[in-house]
């Protein structure tokens, strides 16, 4: 059995447990959803497993879990973007501006070369650190958005499958 099928089977098993009112290990569910989000074969395995299971309630529970994870990933993306724009971007701009100002003052002869060099070096170091921090935060935001989109695709599969099941015979 492949890894994605094992993860899908475990998720469906936990969803069935939840449907019966039993407690489920949420950290394991989050980890499985995260692993499936990065697996290119997961959508196919999920679709096949849901069709084979033919249980709308389990599909609905899994759909709800996936939507919850999408919301979590989108919140993480917003949280990563906020400091990049509100804190780091102004520091980056001010630092690089201070570096240019120091160089202009030195060239104009207003400030000595040594004090201007110290000012430019400190401002340049601060600007580079802010730029690197901004790149790291941008990568975190992009990664969280990509995860949210991948999980959203899995949720769409669950939504489609929960509506295609035949009614149970009584």
C-alpha atoms as a PDB file:
ATOM      1  CA  UNK A   1       0.000   0.000   0.000  1.00  0.00           C
ATOM      2  CA  UNK A   2       1.424   3.389  -0.953  1.00  0.00           C
ATOM      3  CA  UNK A   3       2.030   6.165   1.561  1.00  0.00           C
ATOM      4  CA  UNK A   4      -0.783   8.405   0.318  1.00  0.00           C
ATOM      5  CA  UNK A   5      -3.261   5.516   0.474  1.00  0.00           C
ATOM      6  CA  UNK A   6      -2.152   4.756   4.030  1.00  0.00           C
ATOM      7  CA  UNK A   7      -2.635   8.404   5.042  1.00  0.00           C
ATOM      8  CA  UNK A   8      -6.021   8.578   3.336  1.00  0.00           C
ATOM      9  CA  UNK A   9      -7.108   5.342   5.013  1.00  0.00           C
ATOM     10  CA  UNK A  10      -5.994   6.664   8.408  1.00  0.00           C
ATOM     11  CA  UNK A  11      -7.853   9.941   7.853  1.00  0.00           C
ATOM     12  CA  UNK A  12     -11.018   8.158   6.813  1.00  0.00           C
ATOM     13  CA  UNK A  13     -10.737   5.863   9.812  1.00  0.00           C
ATOM     14  CA  UNK A  14     -10.426   8.855  12.140  1.00  0.00           C
ATOM     15  CA  UNK A  15     -13.348  10.584  10.392  1.00  0.00           C
ATOM     16  CA  UNK A  16     -15.479   7.481  10.900  1.00  0.00           C
ATOM     17  CA  UNK A  17     -14.456   7.406  14.578  1.00  0.00           C
ATOM     18  CA  UNK A  18     -15.431  11.058  14.917  1.00  0.00           C
ATOM     19  CA  UNK A  19     -18.771  10.300  13.275  1.00  0.00           C
ATOM     20  CA  UNK A  20     -19.400   7.667  15.940  1.00  0.00           C
ATOM     21  CA  UNK A  21     -18.664  10.203  18.682  1.00  0.00           C
ATOM     22  CA  UNK A  22     -15.257   8.840  19.637  1.00  0.00           C
ATOM     23  CA  UNK A  23     -12.305  11.082  20.420  1.00  0.00           C
ATOM     24  CA  UNK A  24      -9.793  11.511  17.621  1.00  0.00           C
ATOM     25  CA  UNK A  25      -6.092  12.495  17.841  1.00  0.00           C
ATOM     26  CA  UNK A  26      -6.164  15.959  16.246  1.00  0.00           C
ATOM     27  CA  UNK A  27      -2.337  16.350  15.984  1.00  0.00           C
ATOM     28  CA  UNK A  28      -2.177  13.140  13.936  1.00  0.00           C
ATOM     29  CA  UNK A  29      -4.980  14.399  11.702  1.00  0.00           C
ATOM     30  CA  UNK A  30      -3.210  17.728  11.146  1.00  0.00           C
ATOM     31  CA  UNK A  31       0.028  15.923  10.303  1.00  0.00           C
ATOM     32  CA  UNK A  32      -1.730  13.598   7.859  1.00  0.00           C
ATOM     33  CA  UNK A  33      -3.502  16.494   6.152  1.00  0.00           C
ATOM     34  CA  UNK A  34      -0.203  18.373   5.897  1.00  0.00           C
ATOM     35  CA  UNK A  35       1.499  15.352   4.352  1.00  0.00           C
ATOM     36  CA  UNK A  36      -1.347  14.826   1.877  1.00  0.00           C
ATOM     37  CA  UNK A  37      -1.197  18.484   0.839  1.00  0.00           C
ATOM     38  CA  UNK A  38       2.329  17.905  -0.474  1.00  0.00           C
ATOM     39  CA  UNK A  39       1.641  14.581  -2.187  1.00  0.00           C
ATOM     40  CA  UNK A  40       0.736  14.822  -5.879  1.00  0.00           C
ATOM     41  CA  UNK A  41      -1.042  11.454  -5.782  1.00  0.00           C
ATOM     42  CA  UNK A  42      -3.184  12.312  -2.747  1.00  0.00           C
ATOM     43  CA  UNK A  43      -6.199  13.712  -4.639  1.00  0.00           C
ATOM     44  CA  UNK A  44      -6.567  10.534  -6.672  1.00  0.00           C
ATOM     45  CA  UNK A  45      -6.101   8.308  -3.613  1.00  0.00           C
ATOM     46  CA  UNK A  46      -8.651  10.370  -1.663  1.00  0.00           C
ATOM     47  CA  UNK A  47     -11.200  10.243  -4.471  1.00  0.00           C
ATOM     48  CA  UNK A  48     -10.823   6.459  -4.833  1.00  0.00           C
ATOM     49  CA  UNK A  49     -11.029   5.848  -1.094  1.00  0.00           C
ATOM     50  CA  UNK A  50     -14.142   8.009  -0.690  1.00  0.00           C
ATOM     51  CA  UNK A  51     -15.851   6.228  -3.586  1.00  0.00           C
ATOM     52  CA  UNK A  52     -14.962   2.842  -2.146  1.00  0.00           C
ATOM     53  CA  UNK A  53     -16.161   3.844   1.339  1.00  0.00           C
ATOM     54  CA  UNK A  54     -19.445   5.302   0.052  1.00  0.00           C
ATOM     55  CA  UNK A  55     -20.197   7.118   3.328  1.00  0.00           C
ATOM     56  CA  UNK A  56     -21.454  10.692   3.020  1.00  0.00           C
ATOM     57  CA  UNK A  57     -21.110  11.407   6.752  1.00  0.00           C
ATOM     58  CA  UNK A  58     -17.428  10.451   6.790  1.00  0.00           C
ATOM     59  CA  UNK A  59     -16.834  12.537   3.652  1.00  0.00           C
ATOM     60  CA  UNK A  60     -18.564  15.490   5.298  1.00  0.00           C
ATOM     61  CA  UNK A  61     -16.483  15.152   8.472  1.00  0.00           C
ATOM     62  CA  UNK A  62     -13.284  15.012   6.435  1.00  0.00           C
ATOM     63  CA  UNK A  63     -14.479  17.993   4.376  1.00  0.00           C
ATOM     64  CA  UNK A  64     -15.005  20.006   7.576  1.00  0.00           C
ATOM     65  CA  UNK A  65     -11.546  19.077   8.837  1.00  0.00           C
ATOM     66  CA  UNK A  66      -9.953  20.097   5.567  1.00  0.00           C
ATOM     67  CA  UNK A  67     -11.754  23.451   5.571  1.00  0.00           C
ATOM     68  CA  UNK A  68     -10.554  24.003   9.131  1.00  0.00           C
ATOM     69  CA  UNK A  69      -6.979  23.353   8.003  1.00  0.00           C
ATOM     70  CA  UNK A  70      -7.423  25.745   5.061  1.00  0.00           C
ATOM     71  CA  UNK A  71      -8.473  28.460   7.507  1.00  0.00           C
ATOM     72  CA  UNK A  72      -5.460  27.695   9.702  1.00  0.00           C
ATOM     73  CA  UNK A  73      -3.043  27.910   6.755  1.00  0.00           C
ATOM     74  CA  UNK A  74      -4.612  31.151   5.504  1.00  0.00           C
ATOM     75  CA  UNK A  75      -4.285  32.651   8.983  1.00  0.00           C
ATOM     76  CA  UNK A  76      -0.614  31.611   9.001  1.00  0.00           C
ATOM     77  CA  UNK A  77      -0.116  33.312   5.634  1.00  0.00           C
ATOM     78  CA  UNK A  78      -1.711  36.524   6.928  1.00  0.00           C
ATOM     79  CA  UNK A  79       0.378  36.345  10.082  1.00  0.00           C
ATOM     80  CA  UNK A  80       3.568  36.014   8.019  1.00  0.00           C
ATOM     81  CA  UNK A  81       2.613  38.896   5.730  1.00  0.00           C
ATOM     82  CA  UNK A  82       1.724  41.333   8.503  1.00  0.00           C
ATOM     83  CA  UNK A  83       5.204  41.908   9.999  1.00  0.00           C
ATOM     84  CA  UNK A  84       6.794  41.928   6.559  1.00  0.00           C
ATOM     85  CA  UNK A  85       4.723  44.928   5.526  1.00  0.00           C
ATOM     86  CA  UNK A  86       4.147  46.707   8.825  1.00  0.00           C
ATOM     87  CA  UNK A  87       7.539  46.373  10.497  1.00  0.00           C
ATOM     88  CA  UNK A  88      10.266  45.053   8.220  1.00  0.00           C
ATOM     89  CA  UNK A  89       9.486  47.078   5.080  1.00  0.00           C
ATOM     90  CA  UNK A  90       9.828  50.484   6.828  1.00  0.00           C
ATOM     91  CA  UNK A  91      13.067  49.360   8.501  1.00  0.00           C
ATOM     92  CA  UNK A  92      14.387  48.277   5.128  1.00  0.00           C
ATOM     93  CA  UNK A  93      13.463  51.580   3.495  1.00  0.00           C
ATOM     94  CA  UNK A  94      14.826  53.751   6.293  1.00  0.00           C
ATOM     95  CA  UNK A  95      18.070  51.777   6.511  1.00  0.00           C
ATOM     96  CA  UNK A  96      18.807  51.921   2.829  1.00  0.00           C
ATOM     97  CA  UNK A  97      17.834  55.609   2.783  1.00  0.00           C
ATOM     98  CA  UNK A  98      20.210  56.303   5.678  1.00  0.00           C
ATOM     99  CA  UNK A  99      22.999  54.565   3.777  1.00  0.00           C
ATOM    100  CA  UNK A 100      22.423  56.752   0.722  1.00  0.00           C
ATOM    101  CA  UNK A 101      22.191  59.868   2.912  1.00  0.00           C
ATOM    102  CA  UNK A 102      25.515  59.043   4.599  1.00  0.00           C
ATOM    103  CA  UNK A 103      27.200  58.590   1.240  1.00  0.00           C
ATOM    104  CA  UNK A 104      25.723  61.871  -0.061  1.00  0.00           C
ATOM    105  CA  UNK A 105      26.847  63.756   3.060  1.00  0.00           C
ATOM    106  CA  UNK A 106      30.367  62.349   2.727  1.00  0.00           C
ATOM    107  CA  UNK A 107      30.514  63.305  -0.938  1.00  0.00           C
ATOM    108  CA  UNK A 108      29.252  66.809  -0.156  1.00  0.00           C
ATOM    109  CA  UNK A 109      31.904  67.198   2.542  1.00  0.00           C
ATOM    110  CA  UNK A 110      29.349  67.874   5.279  1.00  0.00           C
ATOM    111  CA  UNK A 111      30.418  64.860   7.296  1.00  0.00           C
ATOM    112  CA  UNK A 112      33.841  63.281   7.507  1.00  0.00           C
ATOM    113  CA  UNK A 113      34.556  60.071   5.620  1.00  0.00           C
ATOM    114  CA  UNK A 114      34.981  57.933   8.750  1.00  0.00           C
ATOM    115  CA  UNK A 115      31.676  58.929  10.443  1.00  0.00           C
ATOM    116  CA  UNK A 116      29.860  58.628   7.092  1.00  0.00           C
ATOM    117  CA  UNK A 117      31.448  55.211   6.520  1.00  0.00           C
ATOM    118  CA  UNK A 118      30.308  54.017   9.940  1.00  0.00           C
ATOM    119  CA  UNK A 119      26.819  55.396   9.321  1.00  0.00           C
ATOM    120  CA  UNK A 120      26.608  53.768   5.880  1.00  0.00           C
ATOM    121  CA  UNK A 121      27.942  50.431   7.131  1.00  0.00           C
ATOM    122  CA  UNK A 122      25.469  50.281  10.025  1.00  0.00           C
ATOM    123  CA  UNK A 123      22.570  51.345   7.814  1.00  0.00           C
ATOM    124  CA  UNK A 124      23.553  48.884   5.089  1.00  0.00           C
ATOM    125  CA  UNK A 125      23.794  46.015   7.598  1.00  0.00           C
ATOM    126  CA  UNK A 126      20.377  46.894   8.982  1.00  0.00           C
ATOM    127  CA  UNK A 127      18.919  47.153   5.462  1.00  0.00           C
ATOM    128  CA  UNK A 128      20.356  43.812   4.381  1.00  0.00           C
ATOM    129  CA  UNK A 129      19.075  42.128   7.559  1.00  0.00           C
ATOM    130  CA  UNK A 130      15.625  43.605   6.953  1.00  0.00           C
ATOM    131  CA  UNK A 131      15.708  42.446   3.318  1.00  0.00           C
ATOM    132  CA  UNK A 132      16.634  38.901   4.333  1.00  0.00           C
ATOM    133  CA  UNK A 133      13.944  38.882   7.005  1.00  0.00           C
ATOM    134  CA  UNK A 134      11.387  40.131   4.500  1.00  0.00           C
ATOM    135  CA  UNK A 135      12.368  37.366   2.045  1.00  0.00           C
ATOM    136  CA  UNK A 136      12.012  34.742   4.781  1.00  0.00           C
ATOM    137  CA  UNK A 137       8.579  36.038   5.761  1.00  0.00           C
ATOM    138  CA  UNK A 138       7.544  36.156   2.113  1.00  0.00           C
ATOM    139  CA  UNK A 139       8.592  32.529   1.661  1.00  0.00           C
ATOM    140  CA  UNK A 140       6.604  31.533   4.754  1.00  0.00           C
ATOM    141  CA  UNK A 141       3.553  33.361   3.405  1.00  0.00           C
ATOM    142  CA  UNK A 142       3.874  31.743  -0.023  1.00  0.00           C
ATOM    143  CA  UNK A 143       4.294  28.298   1.518  1.00  0.00           C
ATOM    144  CA  UNK A 144       1.226  28.709   3.738  1.00  0.00           C
ATOM    145  CA  UNK A 145      -0.866  29.942   0.790  1.00  0.00           C
ATOM    146  CA  UNK A 146       0.275  26.993  -1.349  1.00  0.00           C
ATOM    147  CA  UNK A 147      -0.611  24.563   1.442  1.00  0.00           C
ATOM    148  CA  UNK A 148      -4.030  26.186   1.831  1.00  0.00           C
ATOM    149  CA  UNK A 149      -4.686  25.885  -1.897  1.00  0.00           C
ATOM    150  CA  UNK A 150      -3.635  22.213  -1.961  1.00  0.00           C
ATOM    151  CA  UNK A 151      -5.856  21.420   1.030  1.00  0.00           C
ATOM    152  CA  UNK A 152      -8.700  23.382  -0.578  1.00  0.00           C
ATOM    153  CA  UNK A 153      -8.440  21.054  -3.610  1.00  0.00           C
ATOM    154  CA  UNK A 154      -8.703  18.030  -1.302  1.00  0.00           C
ATOM    155  CA  UNK A 155     -11.743  19.610   0.374  1.00  0.00           C
ATOM    156  CA  UNK A 156     -13.344  20.096  -3.037  1.00  0.00           C
ATOM    157  CA  UNK A 157     -12.926  16.375  -3.692  1.00  0.00           C
ATOM    158  CA  UNK A 158     -14.651  15.590  -0.398  1.00  0.00           C
ATOM    159  CA  UNK A 159     -17.448  18.032  -1.199  1.00  0.00           C
ATOM    160  CA  UNK A 160     -17.975  16.429  -4.596  1.00  0.00           C
ATOM    161  CA  UNK A 161     -17.906  12.900  -3.217  1.00  0.00           C
ATOM    162  CA  UNK A 162     -20.292  13.524  -0.329  1.00  0.00           C
ATOM    163  CA  UNK A 163     -22.969  14.544  -2.819  1.00  0.00           C
ATOM    164  CA  UNK A 164     -22.530  11.545  -5.134  1.00  0.00           C
ATOM    165  CA  UNK A 165     -23.323   8.719  -2.753  1.00  0.00           C
ATOM    166  CA  UNK A 166     -26.413   6.652  -3.320  1.00  0.00           C
ATOM    167  CA  UNK A 167     -28.934   6.671  -0.493  1.00  0.00           C
ATOM    168  CA  UNK A 168     -28.597   3.762   1.882  1.00  0.00           C
ATOM    169  CA  UNK A 169     -31.155   0.964   1.736  1.00  0.00           C
ATOM    170  CA  UNK A 170     -33.232   0.336   4.799  1.00  0.00           C
END
